[in-house]
PDB file of N, CA and C in Angstrom:
ATOM      1  N   MET A   1     -46.996  49.750  42.148  1.00  0.00           N
ATOM      2  CA  MET A   1     -45.911  50.436  41.973  1.00  0.00           C
ATOM      3  C   MET A   1     -44.640  49.845  42.719  1.00  0.00           C
ATOM      4  N   LEU A   2     -44.977  49.463  44.048  1.00  0.00           N
ATOM      5  CA  LEU A   2     -43.866  48.746  44.787  1.00  0.00           C
ATOM      6  C   LEU A   2     -43.435  47.449  44.324  1.00  0.00           C
ATOM      7  N   ILE A   3     -44.260  46.754  43.659  1.00  0.00           N
ATOM      8  CA  ILE A   3     -43.985  45.498  43.052  1.00  0.00           C
ATOM      9  C   ILE A   3     -42.761  45.593  42.011  1.00  0.00           C
ATOM     10  N   TYR A   4     -42.931  46.587  41.253  1.00  0.00           N
ATOM     11  CA  TYR A   4     -41.864  46.927  40.227  1.00  0.00           C
ATOM     12  C   TYR A   4     -40.548  47.208  40.925  1.00  0.00           C
ATOM     13  N   VAL A   5     -40.450  47.948  41.846  1.00  0.00           N
ATOM     14  CA  VAL A   5     -39.377  48.364  42.594  1.00  0.00           C
ATOM     15  C   VAL A   5     -38.625  47.002  43.198  1.00  0.00           C
ATOM     16  N   LEU A   6     -39.440  46.013  43.599  1.00  0.00           N
ATOM     17  CA  LEU A   6     -38.896  44.801  44.094  1.00  0.00           C
ATOM     18  C   LEU A   6     -38.514  43.816  42.939  1.00  0.00           C
ATOM     19  N   LEU A   7     -39.281  43.875  41.727  1.00  0.00           N
ATOM     20  CA  LEU A   7     -38.970  42.843  40.742  1.00  0.00           C
ATOM     21  C   LEU A   7     -37.843  43.234  39.782  1.00  0.00           C
ATOM     22  N   ILE A   8     -37.561  44.503  39.706  1.00  0.00           N
ATOM     23  CA  ILE A   8     -36.521  45.042  38.633  1.00  0.00           C
ATOM     24  C   ILE A   8     -35.159  44.603  39.185  1.00  0.00           C
ATOM     25  N   PRO A   9     -34.817  44.838  40.553  1.00  0.00           N
ATOM     26  CA  PRO A   9     -33.470  44.255  40.835  1.00  0.00           C
ATOM     27  C   PRO A   9     -33.195  42.654  40.849  1.00  0.00           C
ATOM     28  N   ILE A  10     -34.369  42.020  40.987  1.00  0.00           N
ATOM     29  CA  ILE A  10     -34.542  40.571  41.073  1.00  0.00           C
ATOM     30  C   ILE A  10     -34.062  40.100  39.591  1.00  0.00           C
ATOM     31  N   PHE A  11     -34.903  40.883  38.605  1.00  0.00           N
ATOM     32  CA  PHE A  11     -34.610  40.508  37.203  1.00  0.00           C
ATOM     33  C   PHE A  11     -33.108  40.796  36.627  1.00  0.00           C
ATOM     34  N   LEU A  12     -32.732  41.954  37.287  1.00  0.00           N
ATOM     35  CA  LEU A  12     -31.323  42.176  36.866  1.00  0.00           C
ATOM     36  C   LEU A  12     -30.340  41.261  37.300  1.00  0.00           C
ATOM     37  N   ALA A  13     -30.454  40.871  38.530  1.00  0.00           N
ATOM     38  CA  ALA A  13     -29.675  39.817  39.074  1.00  0.00           C
ATOM     39  C   ALA A  13     -29.709  38.459  38.454  1.00  0.00           C
ATOM     40  N   LEU A  14     -31.000  38.068  37.887  1.00  0.00           N
ATOM     41  CA  LEU A  14     -31.081  36.990  37.118  1.00  0.00           C
ATOM     42  C   LEU A  14     -30.358  37.051  35.787  1.00  0.00           C
ATOM     43  N   LEU A  15     -30.485  38.241  35.184  1.00  0.00           N
ATOM     44  CA  LEU A  15     -29.807  38.319  33.879  1.00  0.00           C
ATOM     45  C   LEU A  15     -28.333  38.260  34.124  1.00  0.00           C
ATOM     46  N   PHE A  16     -27.880  38.866  35.179  1.00  0.00           N
ATOM     47  CA  PHE A  16     -26.378  38.729  35.344  1.00  0.00           C
ATOM     48  C   PHE A  16     -25.908  37.317  35.684  1.00  0.00           C
ATOM     49  N   LYS A  17     -26.715  36.649  36.399  1.00  0.00           N
ATOM     50  CA  LYS A  17     -26.343  35.325  36.551  1.00  0.00           C
ATOM     51  C   LYS A  17     -26.381  34.371  35.505  1.00  0.00           C
ATOM     52  N   TRP A  18     -27.442  34.495  34.629  1.00  0.00           N
ATOM     53  CA  TRP A  18     -27.528  33.774  33.390  1.00  0.00           C
ATOM     54  C   TRP A  18     -26.411  34.124  32.338  1.00  0.00           C
ATOM     55  N   PHE A  19     -25.936  35.448  32.320  1.00  0.00           N
ATOM     56  CA  PHE A  19     -24.821  35.858  31.525  1.00  0.00           C
ATOM     57  C   PHE A  19     -23.612  35.247  31.832  1.00  0.00           C
ATOM     58  N   HIS A  20     -23.358  35.047  33.021  1.00  0.00           N
ATOM     59  CA  HIS A  20     -21.991  34.532  33.577  1.00  0.00           C
ATOM     60  C   HIS A  20     -22.045  33.028  33.481  1.00  0.00           C
ATOM     61  N   PHE A  21     -23.330  32.406  33.658  1.00  0.00           N
ATOM     62  CA  PHE A  21     -23.280  30.904  33.454  1.00  0.00           C
ATOM     63  C   PHE A  21     -22.998  30.724  32.049  1.00  0.00           C
ATOM     64  N   PHE A  22     -23.579  31.241  31.172  1.00  0.00           N
ATOM     65  CA  PHE A  22     -23.350  30.998  29.779  1.00  0.00           C
ATOM     66  C   PHE A  22     -22.040  31.414  29.176  1.00  0.00           C
ATOM     67  N   LYS A  23     -21.391  32.455  29.714  1.00  0.00           N
ATOM     68  CA  LYS A  23     -20.116  32.834  29.418  1.00  0.00           C
ATOM     69  C   LYS A  23     -19.072  31.685  30.049  1.00  0.00           C
ATOM     70  N   PHE A  24     -19.350  31.197  31.160  1.00  0.00           N
ATOM     71  CA  PHE A  24     -18.528  30.144  31.723  1.00  0.00           C
ATOM     72  C   PHE A  24     -18.606  28.789  30.930  1.00  0.00           C
ATOM     73  N   TYR A  25     -19.834  28.464  30.547  1.00  0.00           N
ATOM     74  CA  TYR A  25     -20.233  27.247  29.921  1.00  0.00           C
ATOM     75  C   TYR A  25     -19.729  27.274  28.413  1.00  0.00           C
ATOM     76  N   LEU A  26     -19.720  28.442  27.759  1.00  0.00           N
ATOM     77  CA  LEU A  26     -19.303  28.454  26.293  1.00  0.00           C
ATOM     78  C   LEU A  26     -17.836  28.681  26.219  1.00  0.00           C
ATOM     79  N   THR A  27     -17.208  29.111  27.175  1.00  0.00           N
ATOM     80  CA  THR A  27     -15.606  29.407  27.101  1.00  0.00           C
ATOM     81  C   THR A  27     -14.853  28.109  27.326  1.00  0.00           C
ATOM     82  N   LYS A  28     -15.411  27.103  27.967  1.00  0.00           N
ATOM     83  CA  LYS A  28     -14.551  25.901  28.355  1.00  0.00           C
ATOM     84  C   LYS A  28     -14.802  24.960  27.004  1.00  0.00           C
ATOM     85  N   LYS A  29     -13.995  24.102  26.813  1.00  0.00           N
ATOM     86  CA  LYS A  29     -14.217  22.846  25.921  1.00  0.00           C
ATOM     87  C   LYS A  29     -15.229  21.879  26.422  1.00  0.00           C
ATOM     88  N   ARG A  30     -16.131  21.713  25.652  1.00  0.00           N
ATOM     89  CA  ARG A  30     -17.278  20.659  26.070  1.00  0.00           C
ATOM     90  C   ARG A  30     -17.517  19.648  25.018  1.00  0.00           C
ATOM     91  N   SER A  31     -18.008  18.565  25.489  1.00  0.00           N
ATOM     92  CA  SER A  31     -18.372  17.467  24.455  1.00  0.00           C
ATOM     93  C   SER A  31     -19.834  17.741  24.033  1.00  0.00           C
ATOM     94  N   PHE A  32     -20.012  17.048  23.001  1.00  0.00           N
ATOM     95  CA  PHE A  32     -21.432  17.109  22.279  1.00  0.00           C
ATOM     96  C   PHE A  32     -22.414  16.868  23.242  1.00  0.00           C
ATOM     97  N   SER A  33     -22.293  15.847  24.198  1.00  0.00           N
ATOM     98  CA  SER A  33     -23.251  15.396  25.122  1.00  0.00           C
ATOM     99  C   SER A  33     -23.560  16.398  26.173  1.00  0.00           C
ATOM    100  N   GLU A  34     -22.431  17.312  26.529  1.00  0.00           N
ATOM    101  CA  GLU A  34     -22.606  18.309  27.572  1.00  0.00           C
ATOM    102  C   GLU A  34     -23.603  19.469  26.804  1.00  0.00           C
ATOM    103  N   TYR A  35     -23.271  19.813  25.580  1.00  0.00           N
ATOM    104  CA  TYR A  35     -23.986  20.952  24.908  1.00  0.00           C
ATOM    105  C   TYR A  35     -25.608  20.384  24.848  1.00  0.00           C
ATOM    106  N   PHE A  36     -25.618  19.099  24.380  1.00  0.00           N
ATOM    107  CA  PHE A  36     -26.886  18.678  24.252  1.00  0.00           C
ATOM    108  C   PHE A  36     -27.649  18.678  25.600  1.00  0.00           C
ATOM    109  N   PHE A  37     -26.961  18.315  26.570  1.00  0.00           N
ATOM    110  CA  PHE A  37     -27.813  18.425  28.031  1.00  0.00           C
ATOM    111  C   PHE A  37     -28.076  19.788  28.205  1.00  0.00           C
ATOM    112  N   LEU A  38     -27.348  20.887  28.057  1.00  0.00           N
ATOM    113  CA  LEU A  38     -27.562  22.285  28.287  1.00  0.00           C
ATOM    114  C   LEU A  38     -28.841  22.710  27.507  1.00  0.00           C
ATOM    115  N   VAL A  39     -28.973  22.265  26.143  1.00  0.00           N
ATOM    116  CA  VAL A  39     -30.035  22.698  25.491  1.00  0.00           C
ATOM    117  C   VAL A  39     -31.380  21.885  25.806  1.00  0.00           C
ATOM    118  N   PHE A  40     -31.226  20.666  26.428  1.00  0.00           N
ATOM    119  CA  PHE A  40     -32.293  19.905  26.834  1.00  0.00           C
ATOM    120  C   PHE A  40     -32.924  20.655  28.192  1.00  0.00           C
ATOM    121  N   ILE A  41     -31.913  20.955  28.964  1.00  0.00           N
ATOM    122  CA  ILE A  41     -32.466  21.661  30.315  1.00  0.00           C
ATOM    123  C   ILE A  41     -33.025  23.088  29.934  1.00  0.00           C
ATOM    124  N   GLY A  42     -32.455  23.795  28.953  1.00  0.00           N
ATOM    125  CA  GLY A  42     -33.126  25.059  28.487  1.00  0.00           C
ATOM    126  C   GLY A  42     -34.400  24.867  28.022  1.00  0.00           C
ATOM    127  N   TYR A  43     -34.510  23.899  27.159  1.00  0.00           N
ATOM    128  CA  TYR A  43     -35.968  23.558  26.585  1.00  0.00           C
ATOM    129  C   TYR A  43     -36.738  23.224  27.826  1.00  0.00           C
ATOM    130  N   TYR A  44     -36.496  22.336  28.698  1.00  0.00           N
ATOM    131  CA  TYR A  44     -37.343  22.100  29.846  1.00  0.00           C
ATOM    132  C   TYR A  44     -37.813  23.324  30.569  1.00  0.00           C
ATOM    133  N   VAL A  45     -36.767  24.168  30.837  1.00  0.00           N
ATOM    134  CA  VAL A  45     -37.092  25.289  31.679  1.00  0.00           C
ATOM    135  C   VAL A  45     -38.090  26.365  30.917  1.00  0.00           C
ATOM    136  N   LEU A  46     -37.690  26.484  29.715  1.00  0.00           N
ATOM    137  CA  LEU A  46     -38.555  27.529  28.836  1.00  0.00           C
ATOM    138  C   LEU A  46     -39.907  27.110  28.511  1.00  0.00           C
ATOM    139  N   ILE A  47     -39.996  25.740  28.075  1.00  0.00           N
ATOM    140  CA  ILE A  47     -41.229  25.321  27.559  1.00  0.00           C
ATOM    141  C   ILE A  47     -42.405  25.012  28.668  1.00  0.00           C
ATOM    142  N   THR A  48     -41.818  24.275  29.650  1.00  0.00           N
ATOM    143  CA  THR A  48     -42.765  23.895  30.827  1.00  0.00           C
ATOM    144  C   THR A  48     -43.232  25.127  31.548  1.00  0.00           C
ATOM    145  N   GLY A  49     -42.255  26.051  31.703  1.00  0.00           N
ATOM    146  CA  GLY A  49     -42.669  27.429  32.269  1.00  0.00           C
ATOM    147  C   GLY A  49     -42.907  27.309  33.776  1.00  0.00           C
ATOM    148  N   PRO A  50     -43.308  28.209  34.297  1.00  0.00           N
ATOM    149  CA  PRO A  50     -43.586  28.199  35.781  1.00  0.00           C
ATOM    150  C   PRO A  50     -44.511  27.374  36.388  1.00  0.00           C
ATOM    151  N   VAL A  51     -45.389  26.864  35.632  1.00  0.00           N
ATOM    152  CA  VAL A  51     -46.556  25.890  36.030  1.00  0.00           C
ATOM    153  C   VAL A  51     -45.819  24.418  35.957  1.00  0.00           C
ATOM    154  N   ASN A  52     -44.812  24.170  35.247  1.00  0.00           N
ATOM    155  CA  ASN A  52     -44.144  22.883  34.983  1.00  0.00           C
ATOM    156  C   ASN A  52     -45.137  21.822  34.474  1.00  0.00           C
ATOM    157  N   CYS A  53     -45.743  22.348  33.513  1.00  0.00           N
ATOM    158  CA  CYS A  53     -46.780  21.282  32.707  1.00  0.00           C
ATOM    159  C   CYS A  53     -46.140  20.151  32.203  1.00  0.00           C
ATOM    160  N   SER A  54     -46.523  19.099  32.578  1.00  0.00           N
ATOM    161  CA  SER A  54     -45.730  17.802  32.303  1.00  0.00           C
ATOM    162  C   SER A  54     -46.117  17.374  30.888  1.00  0.00           C
ATOM    163  N   ARG A  55     -47.179  17.844  30.227  1.00  0.00           N
ATOM    164  CA  ARG A  55     -47.693  17.335  29.017  1.00  0.00           C
ATOM    165  C   ARG A  55     -46.733  17.754  28.022  1.00  0.00           C
ATOM    166  N   TYR A  56     -45.953  18.672  28.138  1.00  0.00           N
ATOM    167  CA  TYR A  56     -44.805  19.320  27.246  1.00  0.00           C
ATOM    168  C   TYR A  56     -43.728  18.449  27.175  1.00  0.00           C
ATOM    169  N   MET A  57     -43.452  17.739  28.311  1.00  0.00           N
ATOM    170  CA  MET A  57     -42.189  16.782  28.572  1.00  0.00           C
ATOM    171  C   MET A  57     -42.571  15.413  28.019  1.00  0.00           C
ATOM    172  N   MET A  58     -43.650  15.024  27.745  1.00  0.00           N
ATOM    173  CA  MET A  58     -44.071  13.630  27.415  1.00  0.00           C
ATOM    174  C   MET A  58     -43.311  13.189  25.854  1.00  0.00           C
ATOM    175  N   PRO A  59     -43.372  14.127  24.997  1.00  0.00           N
ATOM    176  CA  PRO A  59     -42.601  13.718  23.727  1.00  0.00           C
ATOM    177  C   PRO A  59     -41.164  13.563  23.835  1.00  0.00           C
ATOM    178  N   LEU A  60     -40.504  14.158  24.907  1.00  0.00           N
ATOM    179  CA  LEU A  60     -39.130  14.189  25.114  1.00  0.00           C
ATOM    180  C   LEU A  60     -38.605  13.194  26.115  1.00  0.00           C
ATOM    181  N   GLN A  61     -39.559  12.275  26.561  1.00  0.00           N
ATOM    182  CA  GLN A  61     -38.938  11.281  27.586  1.00  0.00           C
ATOM    183  C   GLN A  61     -38.301  10.296  26.965  1.00  0.00           C
ATOM    184  N   PHE A  62     -38.486   9.974  25.558  1.00  0.00           N
ATOM    185  CA  PHE A  62     -37.740   9.013  24.813  1.00  0.00           C
ATOM    186  C   PHE A  62     -36.310   9.658  24.700  1.00  0.00           C
ATOM    187  N   VAL A  63     -36.278  11.036  24.275  1.00  0.00           N
ATOM    188  CA  VAL A  63     -35.106  11.403  24.044  1.00  0.00           C
ATOM    189  C   VAL A  63     -34.206  11.393  25.497  1.00  0.00           C
ATOM    190  N   LEU A  64     -34.779  11.749  26.629  1.00  0.00           N
ATOM    191  CA  LEU A  64     -34.220  11.887  27.830  1.00  0.00           C
ATOM    192  C   LEU A  64     -33.657  10.384  28.214  1.00  0.00           C
ATOM    193  N   ILE A  65     -34.397   9.408  28.081  1.00  0.00           N
ATOM    194  CA  ILE A  65     -33.851   8.065  28.378  1.00  0.00           C
ATOM    195  C   ILE A  65     -32.779   7.556  27.502  1.00  0.00           C
ATOM    196  N   THR A  66     -32.752   8.016  26.069  1.00  0.00           N
ATOM    197  CA  THR A  66     -31.642   7.753  25.205  1.00  0.00           C
ATOM    198  C   THR A  66     -30.358   8.610  25.559  1.00  0.00           C
ATOM    199  N   PHE A  67     -30.508   9.728  26.010  1.00  0.00           N
ATOM    200  CA  PHE A  67     -29.447  10.497  26.562  1.00  0.00           C
ATOM    201  C   PHE A  67     -28.709   9.798  27.658  1.00  0.00           C
ATOM    202  N   VAL A  68     -29.534   9.439  28.705  1.00  0.00           N
ATOM    203  CA  VAL A  68     -29.039   8.856  29.946  1.00  0.00           C
ATOM    204  C   VAL A  68     -28.336   7.530  29.560  1.00  0.00           C
ATOM    205  N   LEU A  69     -28.977   6.696  28.632  1.00  0.00           N
ATOM    206  CA  LEU A  69     -28.126   5.501  28.219  1.00  0.00           C
ATOM    207  C   LEU A  69     -26.920   5.684  27.533  1.00  0.00           C
ATOM    208  N   VAL A  70     -26.817   6.656  26.605  1.00  0.00           N
ATOM    209  CA  VAL A  70     -25.526   7.005  26.017  1.00  0.00           C
ATOM    210  C   VAL A  70     -24.582   7.584  26.995  1.00  0.00           C
ATOM    211  N   SER A  71     -25.071   8.478  27.904  1.00  0.00           N
ATOM    212  CA  SER A  71     -24.080   8.870  28.777  1.00  0.00           C
ATOM    213  C   SER A  71     -23.442   7.855  29.799  1.00  0.00           C
ATOM    214  N   VAL A  72     -24.231   6.734  30.152  1.00  0.00           N
ATOM    215  CA  VAL A  72     -23.834   5.904  31.001  1.00  0.00           C
ATOM    216  C   VAL A  72     -22.884   4.970  30.286  1.00  0.00           C
ATOM    217  N   LYS A  73     -23.108   4.653  28.868  1.00  0.00           N
ATOM    218  CA  LYS A  73     -22.211   3.870  28.252  1.00  0.00           C
ATOM    219  C   LYS A  73     -20.773   4.580  27.968  1.00  0.00           C
ATOM    220  N   GLU A  74     -20.827   5.816  27.869  1.00  0.00           N
ATOM    221  CA  GLU A  74     -19.628   6.606  27.522  1.00  0.00           C
ATOM    222  C   GLU A  74     -18.785   6.505  29.028  1.00  0.00           C
ATOM    223  N   ASN A  75     -19.519   6.602  30.079  1.00  0.00           N
ATOM    224  CA  ASN A  75     -18.839   6.600  31.352  1.00  0.00           C
ATOM    225  C   ASN A  75     -18.111   5.295  31.618  1.00  0.00           C
ATOM    226  N   LYS A  76     -18.971   4.189  31.310  1.00  0.00           N
ATOM    227  CA  LYS A  76     -18.467   2.936  31.516  1.00  0.00           C
ATOM    228  C   LYS A  76     -17.183   2.666  30.486  1.00  0.00           C
ATOM    229  N   LEU A  77     -17.225   3.256  29.416  1.00  0.00           N
ATOM    230  CA  LEU A  77     -16.187   2.972  28.496  1.00  0.00           C
ATOM    231  C   LEU A  77     -14.930   3.863  28.899  1.00  0.00           C
ATOM    232  N   LYS A  78     -15.124   4.957  29.497  1.00  0.00           N
ATOM    233  CA  LYS A  78     -13.897   5.695  30.212  1.00  0.00           C
ATOM    234  C   LYS A  78     -13.448   5.172  31.325  1.00  0.00           C
ATOM    235  N   ASN A  79     -14.241   4.594  32.139  1.00  0.00           N
ATOM    236  CA  ASN A  79     -13.763   3.857  33.475  1.00  0.00           C
ATOM    237  C   ASN A  79     -12.973   2.597  32.826  1.00  0.00           C
ATOM    238  N   ALA A  80     -13.495   1.902  31.832  1.00  0.00           N
ATOM    239  CA  ALA A  80     -12.741   0.624  31.465  1.00  0.00           C
ATOM    240  C   ALA A  80     -11.517   1.041  30.924  1.00  0.00           C
ATOM    241  N   ARG A  81     -11.227   2.124  30.264  1.00  0.00           N
ATOM    242  CA  ARG A  81      -9.981   2.592  29.667  1.00  0.00           C
ATOM    243  C   ARG A  81      -9.073   2.860  30.787  1.00  0.00           C
ATOM    244  N   GLN A  82      -9.495   3.475  31.725  1.00  0.00           N
ATOM    245  CA  GLN A  82      -8.472   3.821  32.938  1.00  0.00           C
ATOM    246  C   GLN A  82      -8.106   2.828  33.743  1.00  0.00           C
ATOM    247  N   ASN A  83      -8.854   1.555  33.833  1.00  0.00           N
ATOM    248  CA  ASN A  83      -8.435   0.487  34.689  1.00  0.00           C
ATOM    249  C   ASN A  83      -7.683  -0.358  33.775  1.00  0.00           C
TER     250      ASN A  83
END
Protein backbone atom coordinates (compact mmCIF):
# COMPACT_ATOMS: atom_id res chain seq x y z
CA MET A 1 0.00 0.00 0.00
CA LEU A 2 2.86 2.34 0.79
CA ILE A 3 4.31 1.87 -2.68
CA TYR A 4 1.13 3.25 -4.26
CA VAL A 5 1.32 6.32 -2.06
CA LEU A 6 4.83 6.93 -3.40
CA LEU A 7 4.15 6.08 -7.05
CA ILE A 8 0.95 8.11 -7.57
CA PRO A 9 2.62 11.54 -7.08
CA ILE A 10 5.51 10.48 -9.30
CA PHE A 11 3.07 9.43 -12.01
CA LEU A 12 1.14 12.70 -11.73
CA ALA A 13 4.35 14.73 -11.96
CA LEU A 14 5.36 12.72 -15.02
CA LEU A 15 2.01 13.43 -16.70
CA PHE A 16 2.37 17.11 -15.87
CA LYS A 17 5.86 17.19 -17.37
CA TRP A 18 4.82 15.39 -20.58
CA PHE A 19 1.76 17.62 -21.00
CA HIS A 20 3.83 20.80 -20.83
CA PHE A 21 6.55 19.35 -23.05
CA PHE A 22 4.06 18.53 -25.81
CA LYS A 23 2.26 21.84 -25.32
CA PHE A 24 5.55 23.70 -25.79
CA TYR A 25 6.66 21.55 -28.70
CA LEU A 26 3.39 21.76 -30.63
CA THR A 27 2.73 25.50 -30.17
CA LYS A 28 5.99 26.56 -31.84
CA LYS A 29 6.59 26.44 -35.58
CA ARG A 30 8.76 23.41 -36.28
CA SER A 31 10.23 21.90 -39.40
CA PHE A 32 9.40 18.42 -40.63
CA SER A 33 12.74 17.08 -39.44
CA GLU A 34 12.10 18.28 -35.88
CA TYR A 35 8.69 16.56 -35.82
CA PHE A 36 10.24 13.43 -37.24
CA PHE A 37 12.88 13.50 -34.53
CA LEU A 38 10.16 13.80 -31.86
CA VAL A 39 8.30 10.80 -33.29
CA PHE A 40 11.53 8.82 -33.49
CA ILE A 41 12.42 9.54 -29.85
CA GLY A 42 8.86 8.67 -28.80
CA TYR A 43 9.10 5.37 -30.65
CA TYR A 44 12.44 4.64 -29.07
CA VAL A 45 11.15 5.30 -25.55
CA LEU A 46 7.83 3.48 -25.94
CA ILE A 47 8.91 0.41 -27.91
CA THR A 48 12.19 -0.42 -26.22
CA GLY A 49 10.63 0.08 -22.80
CA PRO A 50 12.34 0.03 -19.46
CA VAL A 51 14.62 -2.86 -20.41
CA ASN A 52 15.94 -0.94 -23.45
CA CYS A 53 15.95 -4.04 -25.63
CA SER A 54 18.15 -3.21 -28.61
CA ARG A 55 16.63 -5.78 -30.97
CA TYR A 56 13.65 -3.47 -31.43
CA MET A 57 15.95 -0.68 -32.64
CA MET A 58 17.84 -2.71 -35.24
CA PRO A 59 15.27 -2.16 -38.05
CA LEU A 60 15.44 1.58 -37.42
CA GLN A 61 19.19 2.01 -37.54
CA PHE A 62 19.01 2.75 -41.27
CA VAL A 63 16.33 5.38 -40.61
CA LEU A 64 18.45 6.93 -37.87
CA ILE A 65 21.54 7.10 -40.06
CA THR A 66 19.50 8.65 -42.90
CA PHE A 67 18.01 11.22 -40.55
CA VAL A 68 21.45 12.22 -39.29
CA LEU A 69 22.83 12.58 -42.81
CA VAL A 70 19.88 14.73 -43.94
CA SER A 71 20.20 16.92 -40.85
CA VAL A 72 23.93 17.41 -41.41
CA LYS A 73 23.29 18.32 -45.04
CA GLU A 74 20.61 20.87 -44.04
CA ASN A 75 22.95 22.43 -41.47
CA LYS A 76 25.75 22.72 -44.03
CA LEU A 77 23.39 24.42 -46.49
CA LYS A 78 22.20 26.87 -43.82
CA ASN A 79 25.76 27.69 -42.84
CA ALA A 80 26.80 28.16 -46.48
CA ARG A 81 23.94 30.60 -47.06
CA GLN A 82 24.86 32.63 -43.97
CA ASN A 83 28.51 32.98 -45.03
